[in-house]
PDB file of N, CA and C in Angstrom:
ATOM      1  N   MET A   1       9.603  13.889   7.054  1.00  0.00           N
ATOM      2  CA  MET A   1      10.496  15.092   7.154  1.00  0.00           C
ATOM      3  C   MET A   1      10.034  16.190   7.313  1.00  0.00           C
ATOM      4  N   PRO A   2      10.176  17.008   8.128  1.00  0.00           N
ATOM      5  CA  PRO A   2       9.393  17.954   8.908  1.00  0.00           C
ATOM      6  C   PRO A   2       9.605  19.092   7.791  1.00  0.00           C
ATOM      7  N   TYR A   3       8.712  19.724   7.689  1.00  0.00           N
ATOM      8  CA  TYR A   3       8.417  21.016   6.840  1.00  0.00           C
ATOM      9  C   TYR A   3       7.463  22.345   7.872  1.00  0.00           C
ATOM     10  N   LEU A   4       7.665  23.268   7.354  1.00  0.00           N
ATOM     11  CA  LEU A   4       6.850  24.462   8.194  1.00  0.00           C
ATOM     12  C   LEU A   4       6.659  25.417   7.227  1.00  0.00           C
ATOM     13  N   MET A   5       5.602  25.724   6.957  1.00  0.00           N
ATOM     14  CA  MET A   5       4.815  27.077   6.111  1.00  0.00           C
ATOM     15  C   MET A   5       4.652  28.336   7.402  1.00  0.00           C
ATOM     16  N   ILE A   6       5.303  29.406   6.882  1.00  0.00           N
ATOM     17  CA  ILE A   6       4.885  30.392   7.486  1.00  0.00           C
ATOM     18  C   ILE A   6       4.206  31.616   6.465  1.00  0.00           C
ATOM     19  N   SER A   7       3.526  32.597   6.895  1.00  0.00           N
ATOM     20  CA  SER A   7       3.432  33.593   6.386  1.00  0.00           C
ATOM     21  C   SER A   7       2.768  35.019   6.709  1.00  0.00           C
ATOM     22  N   THR A   8       2.783  35.495   5.945  1.00  0.00           N
ATOM     23  CA  THR A   8       1.887  37.208   6.492  1.00  0.00           C
ATOM     24  C   THR A   8       1.510  37.584   5.472  1.00  0.00           C
ATOM     25  N   LEU A   9       0.463  38.737   5.647  1.00  0.00           N
ATOM     26  CA  LEU A   9      -0.164  39.530   4.762  1.00  0.00           C
ATOM     27  C   LEU A   9       0.886  40.645   4.408  1.00  0.00           C
ATOM     28  N   ILE A  10       1.231  41.158   3.023  1.00  0.00           N
ATOM     29  CA  ILE A  10       2.116  42.103   2.604  1.00  0.00           C
ATOM     30  C   ILE A  10       1.926  43.535   3.505  1.00  0.00           C
ATOM     31  N   ARG A  11       0.262  43.695   3.344  1.00  0.00           N
ATOM     32  CA  ARG A  11       0.238  45.146   4.228  1.00  0.00           C
ATOM     33  C   ARG A  11       0.589  44.814   5.894  1.00  0.00           C
ATOM     34  N   LEU A  12       0.614  43.620   5.778  1.00  0.00           N
ATOM     35  CA  LEU A  12       1.255  43.376   7.619  1.00  0.00           C
ATOM     36  C   LEU A  12       2.376  42.977   7.553  1.00  0.00           C
ATOM     37  N   GLU A  13       3.764  43.459   6.946  1.00  0.00           N
ATOM     38  CA  GLU A  13       4.449  42.680   6.950  1.00  0.00           C
ATOM     39  C   GLU A  13       5.475  42.861   8.619  1.00  0.00           C
ATOM     40  N   SER A  14       4.597  43.709   9.204  1.00  0.00           N
ATOM     41  CA  SER A  14       5.367  44.096  10.629  1.00  0.00           C
ATOM     42  C   SER A  14       4.836  42.885  11.697  1.00  0.00           C
ATOM     43  N   GLY A  15       3.775  42.391  11.055  1.00  0.00           N
ATOM     44  CA  GLY A  15       2.897  41.051  12.043  1.00  0.00           C
ATOM     45  C   GLY A  15       1.596  41.120  11.748  1.00  0.00           C
ATOM     46  N   PRO A  16       0.961  40.375  12.024  1.00  0.00           N
ATOM     47  CA  PRO A  16       1.463  38.958  12.945  1.00  0.00           C
ATOM     48  C   PRO A  16       1.717  38.046  11.669  1.00  0.00           C
ATOM     49  N   THR A  17       2.297  37.279  12.326  1.00  0.00           N
ATOM     50  CA  THR A  17       3.054  35.952  11.426  1.00  0.00           C
ATOM     51  C   THR A  17       1.928  34.960  11.451  1.00  0.00           C
ATOM     52  N   ILE A  18       1.851  34.176  10.572  1.00  0.00           N
ATOM     53  CA  ILE A  18       1.132  32.466  11.072  1.00  0.00           C
ATOM     54  C   ILE A  18       2.216  31.672  10.775  1.00  0.00           C
ATOM     55  N   VAL A  19       2.528  30.919  11.896  1.00  0.00           N
ATOM     56  CA  VAL A  19       3.614  29.647  11.842  1.00  0.00           C
ATOM     57  C   VAL A  19       2.933  28.425  11.944  1.00  0.00           C
ATOM     58  N   GLY A  20       1.556  28.096  11.808  1.00  0.00           N
ATOM     59  CA  GLY A  20       1.446  26.639  11.940  1.00  0.00           C
ATOM     60  C   GLY A  20      -0.352  26.689  12.144  1.00  0.00           C
ATOM     61  N   ASP A  21      -0.646  25.327  11.556  1.00  0.00           N
ATOM     62  CA  ASP A  21      -2.105  25.144  11.703  1.00  0.00           C
ATOM     63  C   ASP A  21      -2.465  24.409  13.028  1.00  0.00           C
ATOM     64  N   GLU A  22      -3.744  24.099  12.962  1.00  0.00           N
ATOM     65  CA  GLU A  22      -4.060  23.412  14.118  1.00  0.00           C
ATOM     66  C   GLU A  22      -3.360  22.352  14.436  1.00  0.00           C
ATOM     67  N   HIS A  23      -2.806  21.678  13.454  1.00  0.00           N
ATOM     68  CA  HIS A  23      -2.345  20.407  13.862  1.00  0.00           C
ATOM     69  C   HIS A  23      -0.540  20.543  14.191  1.00  0.00           C
ATOM     70  N   ALA A  24      -0.148  21.338  13.999  1.00  0.00           N
ATOM     71  CA  ALA A  24       1.528  21.770  14.221  1.00  0.00           C
ATOM     72  C   ALA A  24       1.931  21.395  15.667  1.00  0.00           C
ATOM     73  N   ASP A  25       2.752  20.882  15.533  1.00  0.00           N
ATOM     74  CA  ASP A  25       4.105  20.722  16.949  1.00  0.00           C
ATOM     75  C   ASP A  25       3.778  21.815  18.018  1.00  0.00           C
ATOM     76  N   PRO A  26       2.694  21.445  18.761  1.00  0.00           N
ATOM     77  CA  PRO A  26       2.923  22.445  20.131  1.00  0.00           C
ATOM     78  C   PRO A  26       3.672  22.766  21.025  1.00  0.00           C
ATOM     79  N   GLU A  27       5.097  22.370  20.860  1.00  0.00           N
ATOM     80  CA  GLU A  27       6.520  22.329  21.386  1.00  0.00           C
ATOM     81  C   GLU A  27       6.887  23.514  20.707  1.00  0.00           C
ATOM     82  N   LEU A  28       7.055  23.201  19.446  1.00  0.00           N
ATOM     83  CA  LEU A  28       7.524  24.353  18.575  1.00  0.00           C
ATOM     84  C   LEU A  28       7.041  25.903  18.474  1.00  0.00           C
ATOM     85  N   MET A  29       5.396  25.472  18.421  1.00  0.00           N
ATOM     86  CA  MET A  29       4.665  26.502  18.517  1.00  0.00           C
ATOM     87  C   MET A  29       4.569  27.629  20.153  1.00  0.00           C
ATOM     88  N   SER A  30       5.191  26.761  20.961  1.00  0.00           N
ATOM     89  CA  SER A  30       5.635  27.395  22.056  1.00  0.00           C
ATOM     90  C   SER A  30       6.792  28.375  22.132  1.00  0.00           C
ATOM     91  N   PHE A  31       7.716  27.373  21.736  1.00  0.00           N
ATOM     92  CA  PHE A  31       9.287  27.983  20.969  1.00  0.00           C
ATOM     93  C   PHE A  31       9.213  29.747  20.531  1.00  0.00           C
ATOM     94  N   LEU A  32       8.060  29.714  19.628  1.00  0.00           N
ATOM     95  CA  LEU A  32       7.587  30.576  18.567  1.00  0.00           C
ATOM     96  C   LEU A  32       7.024  31.641  19.318  1.00  0.00           C
ATOM     97  N   GLY A  33       6.724  31.480  20.445  1.00  0.00           N
ATOM     98  CA  GLY A  33       5.609  32.136  21.160  1.00  0.00           C
ATOM     99  C   GLY A  33       4.260  32.533  20.590  1.00  0.00           C
ATOM    100  N   ALA A  34       3.772  31.689  19.489  1.00  0.00           N
ATOM    101  CA  ALA A  34       2.617  31.196  19.125  1.00  0.00           C
ATOM    102  C   ALA A  34       1.302  30.976  19.764  1.00  0.00           C
ATOM    103  N   GLU A  35       0.043  31.405  19.726  1.00  0.00           N
ATOM    104  CA  GLU A  35      -1.175  31.326  19.930  1.00  0.00           C
ATOM    105  C   GLU A  35      -1.903  31.049  18.847  1.00  0.00           C
ATOM    106  N   LYS A  36      -3.149  29.923  19.490  1.00  0.00           N
ATOM    107  CA  LYS A  36      -4.170  29.775  18.500  1.00  0.00           C
ATOM    108  C   LYS A  36      -4.992  30.669  18.313  1.00  0.00           C
ATOM    109  N   LYS A  37      -5.318  31.060  17.248  1.00  0.00           N
ATOM    110  CA  LYS A  37      -6.345  32.035  16.766  1.00  0.00           C
ATOM    111  C   LYS A  37      -7.594  31.115  15.514  1.00  0.00           C
ATOM    112  N   GLN A  38      -8.420  31.791  15.907  1.00  0.00           N
ATOM    113  CA  GLN A  38      -9.774  31.606  14.658  1.00  0.00           C
ATOM    114  C   GLN A  38      -9.965  32.678  14.372  1.00  0.00           C
ATOM    115  N   GLU A  39     -10.039  33.054  12.870  1.00  0.00           N
ATOM    116  CA  GLU A  39     -10.698  33.888  12.442  1.00  0.00           C
ATOM    117  C   GLU A  39     -11.954  34.065  12.230  1.00  0.00           C
ATOM    118  N   VAL A  40     -12.584  35.019  12.316  1.00  0.00           N
ATOM    119  CA  VAL A  40     -14.169  34.959  11.933  1.00  0.00           C
ATOM    120  C   VAL A  40     -14.571  35.026  10.536  1.00  0.00           C
ATOM    121  N   GLY A  41     -15.205  33.556  10.434  1.00  0.00           N
ATOM    122  CA  GLY A  41     -15.756  33.338   9.332  1.00  0.00           C
ATOM    123  C   GLY A  41     -15.030  32.038   8.394  1.00  0.00           C
ATOM    124  N   THR A  42     -14.133  31.407   9.407  1.00  0.00           N
ATOM    125  CA  THR A  42     -13.551  30.358   9.254  1.00  0.00           C
ATOM    126  C   THR A  42     -13.795  29.438   9.889  1.00  0.00           C
ATOM    127  N   ASP A  43     -13.197  28.076   9.792  1.00  0.00           N
ATOM    128  CA  ASP A  43     -13.944  26.939  10.406  1.00  0.00           C
ATOM    129  C   ASP A  43     -12.667  25.950  11.137  1.00  0.00           C
ATOM    130  N   PHE A  44     -11.462  26.789  11.200  1.00  0.00           N
ATOM    131  CA  PHE A  44      -9.773  26.183  10.985  1.00  0.00           C
ATOM    132  C   PHE A  44      -9.017  27.410  12.025  1.00  0.00           C
ATOM    133  N   GLU A  45      -8.532  26.391  13.085  1.00  0.00           N
ATOM    134  CA  GLU A  45      -7.758  27.656  13.460  1.00  0.00           C
ATOM    135  C   GLU A  45      -6.163  27.278  12.710  1.00  0.00           C
ATOM    136  N   VAL A  46      -5.376  28.629  13.244  1.00  0.00           N
ATOM    137  CA  VAL A  46      -3.855  28.566  13.132  1.00  0.00           C
ATOM    138  C   VAL A  46      -3.274  29.062  14.116  1.00  0.00           C
ATOM    139  N   TYR A  47      -1.565  29.138  14.157  1.00  0.00           N
ATOM    140  CA  TYR A  47      -1.216  29.519  15.194  1.00  0.00           C
ATOM    141  C   TYR A  47      -0.474  31.040  14.974  1.00  0.00           C
ATOM    142  N   GLN A  48      -0.504  31.777  15.565  1.00  0.00           N
ATOM    143  CA  GLN A  48       0.126  33.124  14.933  1.00  0.00           C
ATOM    144  C   GLN A  48       0.896  33.783  15.962  1.00  0.00           C
ATOM    145  N   CYS A  49       2.008  34.211  15.813  1.00  0.00           N
ATOM    146  CA  CYS A  49       2.967  35.447  16.896  1.00  0.00           C
ATOM    147  C   CYS A  49       2.771  36.472  15.934  1.00  0.00           C
ATOM    148  N   LYS A  50       2.710  37.515  16.903  1.00  0.00           N
ATOM    149  CA  LYS A  50       2.919  38.787  17.019  1.00  0.00           C
ATOM    150  C   LYS A  50       4.157  39.540  16.569  1.00  0.00           C
ATOM    151  N   GLU A  51       5.023  38.807  16.382  1.00  0.00           N
ATOM    152  CA  GLU A  51       6.327  39.274  15.709  1.00  0.00           C
ATOM    153  C   GLU A  51       6.310  39.342  13.931  1.00  0.00           C
ATOM    154  N   CYS A  52       7.245  40.170  13.766  1.00  0.00           N
ATOM    155  CA  CYS A  52       7.050  40.393  12.274  1.00  0.00           C
ATOM    156  C   CYS A  52       7.587  38.713  11.590  1.00  0.00           C
ATOM    157  N   PRO A  53       7.812  38.792  10.333  1.00  0.00           N
ATOM    158  CA  PRO A  53       8.314  37.718  10.009  1.00  0.00           C
ATOM    159  C   PRO A  53       9.808  37.178  10.012  1.00  0.00           C
ATOM    160  N   ARG A  54      10.589  38.608   9.710  1.00  0.00           N
ATOM    161  CA  ARG A  54      12.041  38.806  10.030  1.00  0.00           C
ATOM    162  C   ARG A  54      12.570  37.966  11.393  1.00  0.00           C
ATOM    163  N   LEU A  55      11.826  38.445  12.304  1.00  0.00           N
ATOM    164  CA  LEU A  55      11.995  38.058  13.880  1.00  0.00           C
ATOM    165  C   LEU A  55      11.850  36.658  13.958  1.00  0.00           C
ATOM    166  N   VAL A  56      10.593  36.125  13.513  1.00  0.00           N
ATOM    167  CA  VAL A  56       9.990  34.472  13.247  1.00  0.00           C
ATOM    168  C   VAL A  56      11.393  33.858  12.737  1.00  0.00           C
ATOM    169  N   LEU A  57      11.461  34.358  11.414  1.00  0.00           N
ATOM    170  CA  LEU A  57      12.623  33.385  10.634  1.00  0.00           C
ATOM    171  C   LEU A  57      13.852  33.308  11.456  1.00  0.00           C
ATOM    172  N   ASN A  58      14.365  34.307  11.780  1.00  0.00           N
ATOM    173  CA  ASN A  58      15.698  34.067  13.211  1.00  0.00           C
ATOM    174  C   ASN A  58      15.354  33.215  13.606  1.00  0.00           C
ATOM    175  N   LYS A  59      14.259  33.223  14.534  1.00  0.00           N
ATOM    176  CA  LYS A  59      14.397  31.990  15.895  1.00  0.00           C
ATOM    177  C   LYS A  59      14.042  30.647  15.246  1.00  0.00           C
ATOM    178  N   LEU A  60      13.860  30.474  13.803  1.00  0.00           N
ATOM    179  CA  LEU A  60      13.914  28.900  13.174  1.00  0.00           C
ATOM    180  C   LEU A  60      14.889  28.771  12.856  1.00  0.00           C
ATOM    181  N   GLU A  61      15.780  30.156  12.487  1.00  0.00           N
ATOM    182  CA  GLU A  61      17.064  29.564  11.786  1.00  0.00           C
ATOM    183  C   GLU A  61      18.162  29.235  13.250  1.00  0.00           C
ATOM    184  N   THR A  62      17.888  29.620  14.451  1.00  0.00           N
ATOM    185  CA  THR A  62      18.593  29.218  15.356  1.00  0.00           C
ATOM    186  C   THR A  62      18.360  27.857  15.945  1.00  0.00           C
ATOM    187  N   ASP A  63      17.047  26.914  15.534  1.00  0.00           N
ATOM    188  CA  ASP A  63      16.387  26.115  15.914  1.00  0.00           C
ATOM    189  C   ASP A  63      16.968  25.092  14.902  1.00  0.00           C
ATOM    190  N   GLY A  64      17.511  25.300  13.986  1.00  0.00           N
ATOM    191  CA  GLY A  64      17.741  24.542  12.677  1.00  0.00           C
ATOM    192  C   GLY A  64      17.165  24.327  11.763  1.00  0.00           C
ATOM    193  N   TRP A  65      16.093  25.299  11.271  1.00  0.00           N
ATOM    194  CA  TRP A  65      15.364  25.333  10.410  1.00  0.00           C
ATOM    195  C   TRP A  65      16.098  26.055   9.540  1.00  0.00           C
ATOM    196  N   LYS A  66      15.722  25.678   8.114  1.00  0.00           N
ATOM    197  CA  LYS A  66      16.432  26.326   6.896  1.00  0.00           C
ATOM    198  C   LYS A  66      15.216  26.517   5.646  1.00  0.00           C
ATOM    199  N   VAL A  67      14.922  27.827   5.244  1.00  0.00           N
ATOM    200  CA  VAL A  67      14.121  28.464   4.366  1.00  0.00           C
ATOM    201  C   VAL A  67      14.612  27.529   2.852  1.00  0.00           C
ATOM    202  N   ILE A  68      13.789  27.275   2.309  1.00  0.00           N
ATOM    203  CA  ILE A  68      13.780  26.037   1.141  1.00  0.00           C
ATOM    204  C   ILE A  68      13.256  26.781  -0.189  1.00  0.00           C
ATOM    205  N   GLY A  69      12.322  27.681   0.261  1.00  0.00           N
ATOM    206  CA  GLY A  69      11.573  28.630  -1.096  1.00  0.00           C
ATOM    207  C   GLY A  69      10.778  29.542   0.004  1.00  0.00           C
ATOM    208  N   PHE A  70      10.527  30.557  -1.099  1.00  0.00           N
ATOM    209  CA  PHE A  70       9.462  31.264  -1.010  1.00  0.00           C
ATOM    210  C   PHE A  70       8.311  31.926  -1.897  1.00  0.00           C
ATOM    211  N   THR A  71       7.606  32.147  -1.849  1.00  0.00           N
ATOM    212  CA  THR A  71       6.754  33.037  -2.964  1.00  0.00           C
ATOM    213  C   THR A  71       5.756  33.936  -2.594  1.00  0.00           C
ATOM    214  N   GLY A  72       5.002  34.779  -3.023  1.00  0.00           N
ATOM    215  CA  GLY A  72       3.722  35.601  -2.853  1.00  0.00           C
ATOM    216  C   GLY A  72       2.631  35.246  -3.658  1.00  0.00           C
ATOM    217  N   VAL A  73       1.310  35.146  -2.830  1.00  0.00           N
ATOM    218  CA  VAL A  73       0.138  34.693  -3.774  1.00  0.00           C
ATOM    219  C   VAL A  73      -0.503  35.712  -3.368  1.00  0.00           C
ATOM    220  N   SER A  74      -1.350  36.644  -4.118  1.00  0.00           N
ATOM    221  CA  SER A  74      -2.396  37.507  -3.991  1.00  0.00           C
ATOM    222  C   SER A  74      -1.546  38.377  -2.888  1.00  0.00           C
ATOM    223  N   GLN A  75      -2.262  38.900  -1.584  1.00  0.00           N
ATOM    224  CA  GLN A  75      -1.889  39.833  -0.971  1.00  0.00           C
ATOM    225  C   GLN A  75      -0.673  39.100   0.342  1.00  0.00           C
ATOM    226  N   THR A  76      -0.501  37.762   0.016  1.00  0.00           N
ATOM    227  CA  THR A  76       0.224  37.128   1.296  1.00  0.00           C
ATOM    228  C   THR A  76       2.067  36.441   0.928  1.00  0.00           C
ATOM    229  N   ILE A  77       2.503  36.657   1.865  1.00  0.00           N
ATOM    230  CA  ILE A  77       4.098  35.903   1.479  1.00  0.00           C
ATOM    231  C   ILE A  77       4.012  34.789   2.134  1.00  0.00           C
ATOM    232  N   ILE A  78       4.149  33.795   1.381  1.00  0.00           N
ATOM    233  CA  ILE A  78       4.576  32.141   1.995  1.00  0.00           C
ATOM    234  C   ILE A  78       6.228  31.684   2.265  1.00  0.00           C
ATOM    235  N   TRP A  79       6.641  31.554   3.265  1.00  0.00           N
ATOM    236  CA  TRP A  79       8.303  31.132   3.454  1.00  0.00           C
ATOM    237  C   TRP A  79       7.926  29.463   3.763  1.00  0.00           C
ATOM    238  N   THR A  80       8.820  29.146   2.794  1.00  0.00           N
ATOM    239  CA  THR A  80       8.529  27.337   3.524  1.00  0.00           C
ATOM    240  C   THR A  80       9.970  26.889   4.035  1.00  0.00           C
ATOM    241  N   LEU A  81      10.316  26.126   5.113  1.00  0.00           N
ATOM    242  CA  LEU A  81      11.314  26.114   5.877  1.00  0.00           C
ATOM    243  C   LEU A  81      11.106  24.586   5.990  1.00  0.00           C
ATOM    244  N   HIS A  82      12.734  23.975   6.106  1.00  0.00           N
ATOM    245  CA  HIS A  82      12.774  22.254   6.333  1.00  0.00           C
ATOM    246  C   HIS A  82      13.884  22.582   7.400  1.00  0.00           C
ATOM    247  N   LYS A  83      13.697  21.268   8.452  1.00  0.00           N
ATOM    248  CA  LYS A  83      14.739  21.005   9.399  1.00  0.00           C
ATOM    249  C   LYS A  83      14.938  19.401   9.056  1.00  0.00           C
ATOM    250  N   ASN A  84      16.520  18.747   9.505  1.00  0.00           N
ATOM    251  CA  ASN A  84      16.980  17.582   8.955  1.00  0.00           C
ATOM    252  C   ASN A  84      16.605  17.127  10.040  1.00  0.00           C
TER     253      ASN A  84
END
């Protein structure tokens, strides 16, 4: 079953939005317009979109993804999505 988590910092709700890890589906990341980035001090890469989460969620819904949960963790908002 395909699951996806996207997130953004609460203070940056206008973007960027993190949409995948370094092992994410490259075709989906291209559809979202995401680029691979590595933050200073980390040893992993993430895919990141310049758009705000609302626009990313709208794009994902047109591709058949549905939000199944969301939460706030510290200064981060996280959405979990699923696609049949």
